[in-house]
Amino acid sequence: MYHQVMQDNNLPQNDSEIPEVVEIPITGTIDLHTFHPREISDLLSEYLKACIERGIFEVTIIHGKGTGVLRERVHRFLSSCDFVADFRLADARSGGWGATVTILKKPDKAEKND
């Protein structure tokens, strides 16, 4: 999966400021530290769908501990996703309140619920 990283104002002033495209490996763990908060919803939607396509149904989202703003944004997004079965803060050895473990719905289960 590839994602274009936004600049603060999202409008490049010259060629050297064109947002870079980064490759995000689909491993079941994504670290959001390098992404702008405005990117989180689109990024997570793409990433979680790519995980489902690859048969990965438990995903760890690393949002950091900080002030909790990013965690709240992630949780708000996950609450609104039809393809998310459940989510919870990670246990202490997996990042504690700096990470969220997300359980994704398996495609056949989602189809049966329709």
PDB file of N, CA and C in Angstrom:
ATOM      1  N   MET A   1       0.850  -1.167   0.000  1.00  0.00           N
ATOM      2  CA  MET A   1       0.000   0.000   0.000  1.00  0.00           C
ATOM      3  C   MET A   1       0.896   1.230   0.000  1.00  0.00           C
ATOM      4  N   TYR A   2       0.511   2.238  -0.760  1.00  0.00           N
ATOM      5  CA  TYR A   2       1.250   3.491  -0.813  1.00  0.00           C
ATOM      6  C   TYR A   2       0.365   4.609  -0.292  1.00  0.00           C
ATOM      7  N   HIS A   3       0.991   5.578   0.376  1.00  0.00           N
ATOM      8  CA  HIS A   3       0.236   6.697   0.932  1.00  0.00           C
ATOM      9  C   HIS A   3       1.042   7.966   0.733  1.00  0.00           C
ATOM     10  N   GLN A   4       0.378   9.025   0.284  1.00  0.00           N
ATOM     11  CA  GLN A   4       1.035  10.307   0.095  1.00  0.00           C
ATOM     12  C   GLN A   4       0.983  11.072   1.409  1.00  0.00           C
ATOM     13  N   VAL A   5       2.152  11.439   1.922  1.00  0.00           N
ATOM     14  CA  VAL A   5       2.251  12.141   3.198  1.00  0.00           C
ATOM     15  C   VAL A   5       1.970  13.617   2.976  1.00  0.00           C
ATOM     16  N   MET A   6       1.025  14.167   3.749  1.00  0.00           N
ATOM     17  CA  MET A   6       0.636  15.573   3.631  1.00  0.00           C
ATOM     18  C   MET A   6       1.669  16.485   4.277  1.00  0.00           C
ATOM     19  N   GLN A   7       1.784  17.679   3.734  1.00  0.00           N
ATOM     20  CA  GLN A   7       2.555  18.738   4.371  1.00  0.00           C
ATOM     21  C   GLN A   7       1.587  19.492   5.280  1.00  0.00           C
ATOM     22  N   ASP A   8       2.103  20.350   6.156  1.00  0.00           N
ATOM     23  CA  ASP A   8       1.226  21.066   7.080  1.00  0.00           C
ATOM     24  C   ASP A   8       0.149  21.875   6.366  1.00  0.00           C
ATOM     25  N   ASN A   9       0.524  22.595   5.311  1.00  0.00           N
ATOM     26  CA  ASN A   9      -0.486  23.393   4.618  1.00  0.00           C
ATOM     27  C   ASN A   9      -1.038  22.677   3.393  1.00  0.00           C
ATOM     28  N   ASN A  10      -0.455  21.520   3.050  1.00  0.00           N
ATOM     29  CA  ASN A  10      -0.891  20.653   1.954  1.00  0.00           C
ATOM     30  C   ASN A  10      -0.815  21.316   0.579  1.00  0.00           C
ATOM     31  N   LEU A  11      -0.155  22.458   0.458  1.00  0.00           N
ATOM     32  CA  LEU A  11       0.010  23.124  -0.824  1.00  0.00           C
ATOM     33  C   LEU A  11       1.496  23.342  -1.083  1.00  0.00           C
ATOM     34  N   PRO A  12       2.109  22.536  -1.961  1.00  0.00           N
ATOM     35  CA  PRO A  12       3.534  22.688  -2.209  1.00  0.00           C
ATOM     36  C   PRO A  12       3.848  24.046  -2.834  1.00  0.00           C
ATOM     37  N   GLN A  13       4.878  24.696  -2.332  1.00  0.00           N
ATOM     38  CA  GLN A  13       5.323  25.979  -2.856  1.00  0.00           C
ATOM     39  C   GLN A  13       6.284  25.789  -4.029  1.00  0.00           C
ATOM     40  N   ASN A  14       7.005  24.671  -4.036  1.00  0.00           N
ATOM     41  CA  ASN A  14       7.914  24.362  -5.130  1.00  0.00           C
ATOM     42  C   ASN A  14       8.092  22.850  -5.199  1.00  0.00           C
ATOM     43  N   ASP A  15       8.857  22.386  -6.192  1.00  0.00           N
ATOM     44  CA  ASP A  15       9.025  20.947  -6.401  1.00  0.00           C
ATOM     45  C   ASP A  15       9.619  20.226  -5.207  1.00  0.00           C
ATOM     46  N   SER A  16      10.441  20.914  -4.420  1.00  0.00           N
ATOM     47  CA  SER A  16      11.068  20.246  -3.275  1.00  0.00           C
ATOM     48  C   SER A  16      10.080  20.011  -2.141  1.00  0.00           C
ATOM     49  N   GLU A  17       8.904  20.645  -2.210  1.00  0.00           N
ATOM     50  CA  GLU A  17       7.906  20.498  -1.157  1.00  0.00           C
ATOM     51  C   GLU A  17       6.756  19.578  -1.548  1.00  0.00           C
ATOM     52  N   ILE A  18       6.860  18.916  -2.697  1.00  0.00           N
ATOM     53  CA  ILE A  18       5.811  17.988  -3.105  1.00  0.00           C
ATOM     54  C   ILE A  18       5.757  16.851  -2.094  1.00  0.00           C
ATOM     55  N   PRO A  19       4.564  16.548  -1.589  1.00  0.00           N
ATOM     56  CA  PRO A  19       4.459  15.488  -0.575  1.00  0.00           C
ATOM     57  C   PRO A  19       5.054  14.178  -1.081  1.00  0.00           C
ATOM     58  N   GLU A  20       5.765  13.509  -0.195  1.00  0.00           N
ATOM     59  CA  GLU A  20       6.375  12.247  -0.597  1.00  0.00           C
ATOM     60  C   GLU A  20       5.367  11.107  -0.475  1.00  0.00           C
ATOM     61  N   VAL A  21       5.563  10.118  -1.311  1.00  0.00           N
ATOM     62  CA  VAL A  21       4.739   8.922  -1.266  1.00  0.00           C
ATOM     63  C   VAL A  21       5.536   7.861  -0.524  1.00  0.00           C
ATOM     64  N   VAL A  22       4.928   7.292   0.502  1.00  0.00           N
ATOM     65  CA  VAL A  22       5.620   6.270   1.286  1.00  0.00           C
ATOM     66  C   VAL A  22       4.907   4.936   1.117  1.00  0.00           C
ATOM     67  N   GLU A  23       5.697   3.876   1.123  1.00  0.00           N
ATOM     68  CA  GLU A  23       5.122   2.536   1.063  1.00  0.00           C
ATOM     69  C   GLU A  23       4.844   2.078   2.487  1.00  0.00           C
ATOM     70  N   ILE A  24       3.654   1.578   2.705  1.00  0.00           N
ATOM     71  CA  ILE A  24       3.267   1.093   4.026  1.00  0.00           C
ATOM     72  C   ILE A  24       3.085  -0.417   3.925  1.00  0.00           C
ATOM     73  N   PRO A  25       3.968  -1.177   4.565  1.00  0.00           N
ATOM     74  CA  PRO A  25       3.818  -2.633   4.506  1.00  0.00           C
ATOM     75  C   PRO A  25       2.567  -3.082   5.262  1.00  0.00           C
ATOM     76  N   ILE A  26       1.866  -4.042   4.700  1.00  0.00           N
ATOM     77  CA  ILE A  26       0.644  -4.568   5.318  1.00  0.00           C
ATOM     78  C   ILE A  26       1.057  -5.754   6.180  1.00  0.00           C
ATOM     79  N   THR A  27       1.304  -5.482   7.465  1.00  0.00           N
ATOM     80  CA  THR A  27       1.820  -6.504   8.381  1.00  0.00           C
ATOM     81  C   THR A  27       0.889  -6.787   9.546  1.00  0.00           C
ATOM     82  N   GLY A  28      -0.134  -5.951   9.713  1.00  0.00           N
ATOM     83  CA  GLY A  28      -1.005  -6.089  10.873  1.00  0.00           C
ATOM     84  C   GLY A  28      -0.637  -5.131  11.990  1.00  0.00           C
ATOM     85  N   THR A  29       0.383  -4.302  11.750  1.00  0.00           N
ATOM     86  CA  THR A  29       0.759  -3.252  12.704  1.00  0.00           C
ATOM     87  C   THR A  29       1.049  -1.990  11.913  1.00  0.00           C
ATOM     88  N   ILE A  30       0.441  -0.890  12.328  1.00  0.00           N
ATOM     89  CA  ILE A  30       0.707   0.387  11.672  1.00  0.00           C
ATOM     90  C   ILE A  30       1.019   1.431  12.737  1.00  0.00           C
ATOM     91  N   ASP A  31       2.088   2.187  12.513  1.00  0.00           N
ATOM     92  CA  ASP A  31       2.521   3.236  13.431  1.00  0.00           C
ATOM     93  C   ASP A  31       2.120   4.579  12.834  1.00  0.00           C
ATOM     94  N   LEU A  32       1.275   5.305  13.524  1.00  0.00           N
ATOM     95  CA  LEU A  32       0.733   6.560  13.006  1.00  0.00           C
ATOM     96  C   LEU A  32       1.573   7.784  13.352  1.00  0.00           C
ATOM     97  N   HIS A  33       2.686   7.606  14.041  1.00  0.00           N
ATOM     98  CA  HIS A  33       3.481   8.749  14.488  1.00  0.00           C
ATOM     99  C   HIS A  33       3.905   9.691  13.362  1.00  0.00           C
ATOM    100  N   THR A  34       4.170   9.177  12.182  1.00  0.00           N
ATOM    101  CA  THR A  34       4.690  10.019  11.107  1.00  0.00           C
ATOM    102  C   THR A  34       3.605  10.643  10.238  1.00  0.00           C
ATOM    103  N   PHE A  35       2.351  10.402  10.547  1.00  0.00           N
ATOM    104  CA  PHE A  35       1.270  10.902   9.709  1.00  0.00           C
ATOM    105  C   PHE A  35       0.544  12.068  10.362  1.00  0.00           C
ATOM    106  N   HIS A  36       0.037  12.956   9.538  1.00  0.00           N
ATOM    107  CA  HIS A  36      -0.715  14.111  10.013  1.00  0.00           C
ATOM    108  C   HIS A  36      -2.091  13.634  10.492  1.00  0.00           C
ATOM    109  N   PRO A  37      -2.604  14.200  11.577  1.00  0.00           N
ATOM    110  CA  PRO A  37      -3.911  13.777  12.095  1.00  0.00           C
ATOM    111  C   PRO A  37      -5.036  13.813  11.059  1.00  0.00           C
ATOM    112  N   ARG A  38      -4.970  14.750  10.103  1.00  0.00           N
ATOM    113  CA  ARG A  38      -6.015  14.823   9.065  1.00  0.00           C
ATOM    114  C   ARG A  38      -5.999  13.608   8.149  1.00  0.00           C
ATOM    115  N   GLU A  39      -4.881  12.894   8.114  1.00  0.00           N
ATOM    116  CA  GLU A  39      -4.751  11.740   7.226  1.00  0.00           C
ATOM    117  C   GLU A  39      -5.295  10.450   7.831  1.00  0.00           C
ATOM    118  N   ILE A  40      -5.525  10.435   9.119  1.00  0.00           N
ATOM    119  CA  ILE A  40      -5.773   9.199   9.852  1.00  0.00           C
ATOM    120  C   ILE A  40      -6.971   8.409   9.327  1.00  0.00           C
ATOM    121  N   SER A  41      -8.095   9.048   9.105  1.00  0.00           N
ATOM    122  CA  SER A  41      -9.290   8.313   8.668  1.00  0.00           C
ATOM    123  C   SER A  41      -9.075   7.618   7.332  1.00  0.00           C
ATOM    124  N   ASP A  42      -8.598   8.355   6.340  1.00  0.00           N
ATOM    125  CA  ASP A  42      -8.370   7.754   5.020  1.00  0.00           C
ATOM    126  C   ASP A  42      -7.294   6.682   5.082  1.00  0.00           C
ATOM    127  N   LEU A  43      -6.224   6.977   5.796  1.00  0.00           N
ATOM    128  CA  LEU A  43      -5.121   6.028   5.921  1.00  0.00           C
ATOM    129  C   LEU A  43      -5.582   4.729   6.578  1.00  0.00           C
ATOM    130  N   LEU A  44      -6.275   4.838   7.704  1.00  0.00           N
ATOM    131  CA  LEU A  44      -6.733   3.633   8.401  1.00  0.00           C
ATOM    132  C   LEU A  44      -7.753   2.857   7.577  1.00  0.00           C
ATOM    133  N   SER A  45      -8.631   3.548   6.892  1.00  0.00           N
ATOM    134  CA  SER A  45      -9.610   2.861   6.057  1.00  0.00           C
ATOM    135  C   SER A  45      -8.905   2.015   4.997  1.00  0.00           C
ATOM    136  N   GLU A  46      -7.953   2.612   4.301  1.00  0.00           N
ATOM    137  CA  GLU A  46      -7.196   1.885   3.276  1.00  0.00           C
ATOM    138  C   GLU A  46      -6.408   0.731   3.889  1.00  0.00           C
ATOM    139  N   TYR A  47      -5.740   1.008   5.000  1.00  0.00           N
ATOM    140  CA  TYR A  47      -4.881  -0.001   5.617  1.00  0.00           C
ATOM    141  C   TYR A  47      -5.696  -1.190   6.130  1.00  0.00           C
ATOM    142  N   LEU A  48      -6.781  -0.922   6.823  1.00  0.00           N
ATOM    143  CA  LEU A  48      -7.590  -2.009   7.379  1.00  0.00           C
ATOM    144  C   LEU A  48      -8.234  -2.845   6.275  1.00  0.00           C
ATOM    145  N   LYS A  49      -8.681  -2.197   5.211  1.00  0.00           N
ATOM    146  CA  LYS A  49      -9.236  -2.947   4.078  1.00  0.00           C
ATOM    147  C   LYS A  49      -8.164  -3.821   3.430  1.00  0.00           C
ATOM    148  N   ALA A  50      -6.944  -3.300   3.327  1.00  0.00           N
ATOM    149  CA  ALA A  50      -5.837  -4.089   2.767  1.00  0.00           C
ATOM    150  C   ALA A  50      -5.526  -5.283   3.668  1.00  0.00           C
ATOM    151  N   CYS A  51      -5.622  -5.096   4.979  1.00  0.00           N
ATOM    152  CA  CYS A  51      -5.409  -6.211   5.912  1.00  0.00           C
ATOM    153  C   CYS A  51      -6.459  -7.295   5.692  1.00  0.00           C
ATOM    154  N   ILE A  52      -7.713  -6.906   5.568  1.00  0.00           N
ATOM    155  CA  ILE A  52      -8.789  -7.877   5.340  1.00  0.00           C
ATOM    156  C   ILE A  52      -8.523  -8.657   4.057  1.00  0.00           C
ATOM    157  N   GLU A  53      -8.132  -7.956   2.997  1.00  0.00           N
ATOM    158  CA  GLU A  53      -7.839  -8.620   1.718  1.00  0.00           C
ATOM    159  C   GLU A  53      -6.726  -9.656   1.858  1.00  0.00           C
ATOM    160  N   ARG A  54      -5.795  -9.420   2.779  1.00  0.00           N
ATOM    161  CA  ARG A  54      -4.666 -10.331   2.976  1.00  0.00           C
ATOM    162  C   ARG A  54      -4.923 -11.365   4.077  1.00  0.00           C
ATOM    163  N   GLY A  55      -6.124 -11.355   4.636  1.00  0.00           N
ATOM    164  CA  GLY A  55      -6.456 -12.332   5.665  1.00  0.00           C
ATOM    165  C   GLY A  55      -5.921 -11.988   7.045  1.00  0.00           C
ATOM    166  N   ILE A  56      -5.615 -10.712   7.273  1.00  0.00           N
ATOM    167  CA  ILE A  56      -5.146 -10.248   8.586  1.00  0.00           C
ATOM    168  C   ILE A  56      -6.352  -9.623   9.284  1.00  0.00           C
ATOM    169  N   PHE A  57      -6.791 -10.235  10.390  1.00  0.00           N
ATOM    170  CA  PHE A  57      -8.011  -9.777  11.048  1.00  0.00           C
ATOM    171  C   PHE A  57      -7.775  -9.199  12.441  1.00  0.00           C
ATOM    172  N   GLU A  58      -6.534  -9.173  12.890  1.00  0.00           N
ATOM    173  CA  GLU A  58      -6.178  -8.480  14.130  1.00  0.00           C
ATOM    174  C   GLU A  58      -5.060  -7.509  13.800  1.00  0.00           C
ATOM    175  N   VAL A  59      -5.316  -6.236  14.032  1.00  0.00           N
ATOM    176  CA  VAL A  59      -4.389  -5.178  13.649  1.00  0.00           C
ATOM    177  C   VAL A  59      -4.066  -4.328  14.874  1.00  0.00           C
ATOM    178  N   THR A  60      -2.788  -4.033  15.058  1.00  0.00           N
ATOM    179  CA  THR A  60      -2.362  -3.134  16.122  1.00  0.00           C
ATOM    180  C   THR A  60      -2.087  -1.769  15.514  1.00  0.00           C
ATOM    181  N   ILE A  61      -2.760  -0.768  16.042  1.00  0.00           N
ATOM    182  CA  ILE A  61      -2.592   0.613  15.587  1.00  0.00           C
ATOM    183  C   ILE A  61      -1.828   1.355  16.678  1.00  0.00           C
ATOM    184  N   ILE A  62      -0.621   1.800  16.352  1.00  0.00           N
ATOM    185  CA  ILE A  62       0.208   2.525  17.320  1.00  0.00           C
ATOM    186  C   ILE A  62      -0.050   4.016  17.130  1.00  0.00           C
ATOM    187  N   HIS A  63      -0.638   4.630  18.140  1.00  0.00           N
ATOM    188  CA  HIS A  63      -0.959   6.052  18.076  1.00  0.00           C
ATOM    189  C   HIS A  63      -0.168   6.845  19.101  1.00  0.00           C
ATOM    190  N   GLY A  64       0.524   6.186  19.999  1.00  0.00           N
ATOM    191  CA  GLY A  64       1.312   6.870  21.015  1.00  0.00           C
ATOM    192  C   GLY A  64       0.471   7.250  22.221  1.00  0.00           C
ATOM    193  N   LYS A  65       1.155   7.607  23.276  1.00  0.00           N
ATOM    194  CA  LYS A  65       0.464   7.955  24.522  1.00  0.00           C
ATOM    195  C   LYS A  65       0.138   9.435  24.556  1.00  0.00           C
ATOM    196  N   GLY A  66       1.086  10.291  24.391  1.00  0.00           N
ATOM    197  CA  GLY A  66       0.884  11.736  24.278  1.00  0.00           C
ATOM    198  C   GLY A  66      -0.300  12.285  25.038  1.00  0.00           C
ATOM    199  N   THR A  67      -1.028  13.190  24.391  1.00  0.00           N
ATOM    200  CA  THR A  67      -2.178  13.844  25.026  1.00  0.00           C
ATOM    201  C   THR A  67      -3.475  13.067  24.835  1.00  0.00           C
ATOM    202  N   GLY A  68      -3.450  12.072  23.978  1.00  0.00           N
ATOM    203  CA  GLY A  68      -4.641  11.265  23.746  1.00  0.00           C
ATOM    204  C   GLY A  68      -5.498  11.723  22.584  1.00  0.00           C
ATOM    205  N   VAL A  69      -5.135  12.832  21.947  1.00  0.00           N
ATOM    206  CA  VAL A  69      -5.930  13.352  20.836  1.00  0.00           C
ATOM    207  C   VAL A  69      -5.940  12.368  19.674  1.00  0.00           C
ATOM    208  N   LEU A  70      -4.786  11.837  19.316  1.00  0.00           N
ATOM    209  CA  LEU A  70      -4.710  10.884  18.210  1.00  0.00           C
ATOM    210  C   LEU A  70      -5.449   9.591  18.554  1.00  0.00           C
ATOM    211  N   ARG A  71      -5.301   9.123  19.788  1.00  0.00           N
ATOM    212  CA  ARG A  71      -6.018   7.916  20.227  1.00  0.00           C
ATOM    213  C   ARG A  71      -7.529   8.117  20.089  1.00  0.00           C
ATOM    214  N   GLU A  72      -8.021   9.265  20.531  1.00  0.00           N
ATOM    215  CA  GLU A  72      -9.452   9.558  20.430  1.00  0.00           C
ATOM    216  C   GLU A  72      -9.908   9.596  18.979  1.00  0.00           C
ATOM    217  N   ARG A  73      -9.085  10.169  18.118  1.00  0.00           N
ATOM    218  CA  ARG A  73      -9.427  10.232  16.692  1.00  0.00           C
ATOM    219  C   ARG A  73      -9.493   8.827  16.098  1.00  0.00           C
ATOM    220  N   VAL A  74      -8.520   7.982  16.463  1.00  0.00           N
ATOM    221  CA  VAL A  74      -8.498   6.592  15.991  1.00  0.00           C
ATOM    222  C   VAL A  74      -9.736   5.855  16.487  1.00  0.00           C
ATOM    223  N   HIS A  75     -10.048   5.981  17.769  1.00  0.00           N
ATOM    224  CA  HIS A  75     -11.199   5.275  18.339  1.00  0.00           C
ATOM    225  C   HIS A  75     -12.516   5.760  17.729  1.00  0.00           C
ATOM    226  N   ARG A  76     -12.621   7.043  17.472  1.00  0.00           N
ATOM    227  CA  ARG A  76     -13.828   7.581  16.837  1.00  0.00           C
ATOM    228  C   ARG A  76     -13.979   6.988  15.427  1.00  0.00           C
ATOM    229  N   PHE A  77     -12.863   6.908  14.702  1.00  0.00           N
ATOM    230  CA  PHE A  77     -12.904   6.312  13.369  1.00  0.00           C
ATOM    231  C   PHE A  77     -13.314   4.842  13.444  1.00  0.00           C
ATOM    232  N   LEU A  78     -12.683   4.079  14.337  1.00  0.00           N
ATOM    233  CA  LEU A  78     -12.972   2.647  14.444  1.00  0.00           C
ATOM    234  C   LEU A  78     -14.428   2.401  14.828  1.00  0.00           C
ATOM    235  N   SER A  79     -14.984   3.256  15.664  1.00  0.00           N
ATOM    236  CA  SER A  79     -16.387   3.119  16.082  1.00  0.00           C
ATOM    237  C   SER A  79     -17.354   3.260  14.915  1.00  0.00           C
ATOM    238  N   SER A  80     -16.935   3.973  13.888  1.00  0.00           N
ATOM    239  CA  SER A  80     -17.820   4.224  12.748  1.00  0.00           C
ATOM    240  C   SER A  80     -17.620   3.243  11.592  1.00  0.00           C
ATOM    241  N   CYS A  81     -16.673   2.328  11.713  1.00  0.00           N
ATOM    242  CA  CYS A  81     -16.344   1.402  10.614  1.00  0.00           C
ATOM    243  C   CYS A  81     -17.213   0.157  10.640  1.00  0.00           C
ATOM    244  N   ASP A  82     -17.839  -0.131   9.509  1.00  0.00           N
ATOM    245  CA  ASP A  82     -18.657  -1.337   9.384  1.00  0.00           C
ATOM    246  C   ASP A  82     -17.827  -2.610   9.414  1.00  0.00           C
ATOM    247  N   PHE A  83     -16.562  -2.525   9.031  1.00  0.00           N
ATOM    248  CA  PHE A  83     -15.729  -3.725   8.943  1.00  0.00           C
ATOM    249  C   PHE A  83     -14.892  -3.973  10.194  1.00  0.00           C
ATOM    250  N   VAL A  84     -15.112  -3.190  11.249  1.00  0.00           N
ATOM    251  CA  VAL A  84     -14.423  -3.385  12.532  1.00  0.00           C
ATOM    252  C   VAL A  84     -15.379  -4.086  13.489  1.00  0.00           C
ATOM    253  N   ALA A  85     -14.962  -5.246  13.993  1.00  0.00           N
ATOM    254  CA  ALA A  85     -15.789  -6.007  14.935  1.00  0.00           C
ATOM    255  C   ALA A  85     -15.627  -5.484  16.355  1.00  0.00           C
ATOM    256  N   ASP A  86     -14.384  -5.131  16.730  1.00  0.00           N
ATOM    257  CA  ASP A  86     -14.102  -4.724  18.104  1.00  0.00           C
ATOM    258  C   ASP A  86     -12.743  -4.043  18.142  1.00  0.00           C
ATOM    259  N   PHE A  87     -12.507  -3.262  19.188  1.00  0.00           N
ATOM    260  CA  PHE A  87     -11.174  -2.704  19.421  1.00  0.00           C
ATOM    261  C   PHE A  87     -11.013  -2.428  20.902  1.00  0.00           C
ATOM    262  N   ARG A  88      -9.757  -2.426  21.328  1.00  0.00           N
ATOM    263  CA  ARG A  88      -9.435  -2.199  22.742  1.00  0.00           C
ATOM    264  C   ARG A  88      -8.005  -1.694  22.836  1.00  0.00           C
ATOM    265  N   LEU A  89      -7.681  -1.073  23.949  1.00  0.00           N
ATOM    266  CA  LEU A  89      -6.295  -0.685  24.175  1.00  0.00           C
ATOM    267  C   LEU A  89      -5.449  -1.939  24.315  1.00  0.00           C
ATOM    268  N   ALA A  90      -4.224  -1.857  23.855  1.00  0.00           N
ATOM    269  CA  ALA A  90      -3.314  -3.003  23.919  1.00  0.00           C
ATOM    270  C   ALA A  90      -2.941  -3.299  25.364  1.00  0.00           C
ATOM    271  N   ASP A  91      -2.502  -4.539  25.608  1.00  0.00           N
ATOM    272  CA  ASP A  91      -2.019  -4.856  26.948  1.00  0.00           C
ATOM    273  C   ASP A  91      -0.653  -4.195  27.147  1.00  0.00           C
ATOM    274  N   ALA A  92      -0.166  -4.195  28.373  1.00  0.00           N
ATOM    275  CA  ALA A  92       1.055  -3.467  28.731  1.00  0.00           C
ATOM    276  C   ALA A  92       2.262  -3.863  27.883  1.00  0.00           C
ATOM    277  N   ARG A  93       2.417  -5.142  27.578  1.00  0.00           N
ATOM    278  CA  ARG A  93       3.604  -5.559  26.816  1.00  0.00           C
ATOM    279  C   ARG A  93       3.483  -5.264  25.324  1.00  0.00           C
ATOM    280  N   SER A  94       2.298  -4.850  24.886  1.00  0.00           N
ATOM    281  CA  SER A  94       2.083  -4.530  23.468  1.00  0.00           C
ATOM    282  C   SER A  94       1.865  -3.042  23.224  1.00  0.00           C
ATOM    283  N   GLY A  95       2.185  -2.217  24.200  1.00  0.00           N
ATOM    284  CA  GLY A  95       2.068  -0.776  24.017  1.00  0.00           C
ATOM    285  C   GLY A  95       1.109  -0.083  24.954  1.00  0.00           C
ATOM    286  N   GLY A  96       0.338  -0.861  25.715  1.00  0.00           N
ATOM    287  CA  GLY A  96      -0.590  -0.254  26.676  1.00  0.00           C
ATOM    288  C   GLY A  96      -1.513   0.750  26.016  1.00  0.00           C
ATOM    289  N   TRP A  97      -1.730   1.885  26.661  1.00  0.00           N
ATOM    290  CA  TRP A  97      -2.660   2.871  26.121  1.00  0.00           C
ATOM    291  C   TRP A  97      -2.065   3.680  24.972  1.00  0.00           C
ATOM    292  N   GLY A  98      -0.867   3.292  24.506  1.00  0.00           N
ATOM    293  CA  GLY A  98      -0.269   3.914  23.323  1.00  0.00           C
ATOM    294  C   GLY A  98      -0.582   3.171  22.036  1.00  0.00           C
ATOM    295  N   ALA A  99      -1.355   2.096  22.144  1.00  0.00           N
ATOM    296  CA  ALA A  99      -1.710   1.303  20.959  1.00  0.00           C
ATOM    297  C   ALA A  99      -3.117   0.741  21.122  1.00  0.00           C
ATOM    298  N   THR A 100      -3.766   0.516  20.011  1.00  0.00           N
ATOM    299  CA  THR A 100      -5.111  -0.054  20.002  1.00  0.00           C
ATOM    300  C   THR A 100      -5.107  -1.319  19.163  1.00  0.00           C
ATOM    301  N   VAL A 101      -5.614  -2.397  19.742  1.00  0.00           N
ATOM    302  CA  VAL A 101      -5.764  -3.663  19.027  1.00  0.00           C
ATOM    303  C   VAL A 101      -7.155  -3.652  18.403  1.00  0.00           C
ATOM    304  N   THR A 102      -7.199  -3.900  17.108  1.00  0.00           N
ATOM    305  CA  THR A 102      -8.448  -3.846  16.352  1.00  0.00           C
ATOM    306  C   THR A 102      -8.753  -5.217  15.773  1.00  0.00           C
ATOM    307  N   ILE A 103      -9.966  -5.688  15.984  1.00  0.00           N
ATOM    308  CA  ILE A 103     -10.419  -6.959  15.418  1.00  0.00           C
ATOM    309  C   ILE A 103     -11.322  -6.631  14.235  1.00  0.00           C
ATOM    310  N   LEU A 104     -10.947  -7.147  13.069  1.00  0.00           N
ATOM    311  CA  LEU A 104     -11.701  -6.886  11.846  1.00  0.00           C
ATOM    312  C   LEU A 104     -12.669  -8.024  11.557  1.00  0.00           C
ATOM    313  N   LYS A 105     -13.771  -7.685  10.924  1.00  0.00           N
ATOM    314  CA  LYS A 105     -14.749  -8.704  10.546  1.00  0.00           C
ATOM    315  C   LYS A 105     -14.215  -9.498   9.364  1.00  0.00           C
ATOM    316  N   LYS A 106     -14.425 -10.798   9.406  1.00  0.00           N
ATOM    317  CA  LYS A 106     -14.062 -11.643   8.270  1.00  0.00           C
ATOM    318  C   LYS A 106     -15.129 -11.455   7.203  1.00  0.00           C
ATOM    319  N   PRO A 107     -14.733 -11.417   5.932  1.00  0.00           N
ATOM    320  CA  PRO A 107     -15.696 -11.127   4.862  1.00  0.00           C
ATOM    321  C   PRO A 107     -16.929 -12.027   4.868  1.00  0.00           C
ATOM    322  N   ASP A 108     -16.775 -13.335   5.084  1.00  0.00           N
ATOM    323  CA  ASP A 108     -17.941 -14.222   5.075  1.00  0.00           C
ATOM    324  C   ASP A 108     -18.877 -13.912   6.233  1.00  0.00           C
ATOM    325  N   LYS A 109     -18.332 -13.500   7.382  1.00  0.00           N
ATOM    326  CA  LYS A 109     -19.163 -13.141   8.531  1.00  0.00           C
ATOM    327  C   LYS A 109     -19.933 -11.847   8.245  1.00  0.00           C
ATOM    328  N   ALA A 110     -19.277 -10.891   7.622  1.00  0.00           N
ATOM    329  CA  ALA A 110     -19.932  -9.625   7.302  1.00  0.00           C
ATOM    330  C   ALA A 110     -21.066  -9.848   6.310  1.00  0.00           C
ATOM    331  N   GLU A 111     -20.861 -10.743   5.323  1.00  0.00           N
ATOM    332  CA  GLU A 111     -21.899 -11.014   4.332  1.00  0.00           C
ATOM    333  C   GLU A 111     -23.108 -11.691   4.960  1.00  0.00           C
ATOM    334  N   LYS A 112     -22.893 -12.573   5.947  1.00  0.00           N
ATOM    335  CA  LYS A 112     -24.000 -13.272   6.598  1.00  0.00           C
ATOM    336  C   LYS A 112     -24.860 -12.324   7.417  1.00  0.00           C
ATOM    337  N   ASN A 113     -24.259 -11.214   7.905  1.00  0.00           N
ATOM    338  CA  ASN A 113     -24.995 -10.255   8.727  1.00  0.00           C
ATOM    339  C   ASN A 113     -25.862  -9.323   7.891  1.00  0.00           C
ATOM    340  N   ASP A 114     -25.666  -9.290   6.581  1.00  0.00           N
ATOM    341  CA  ASP A 114     -26.444  -8.378   5.718  1.00  0.00           C
ATOM    342  C   ASP A 114     -27.838  -8.874   5.498  1.00  0.00           C
TER     343      ASP A 114
END
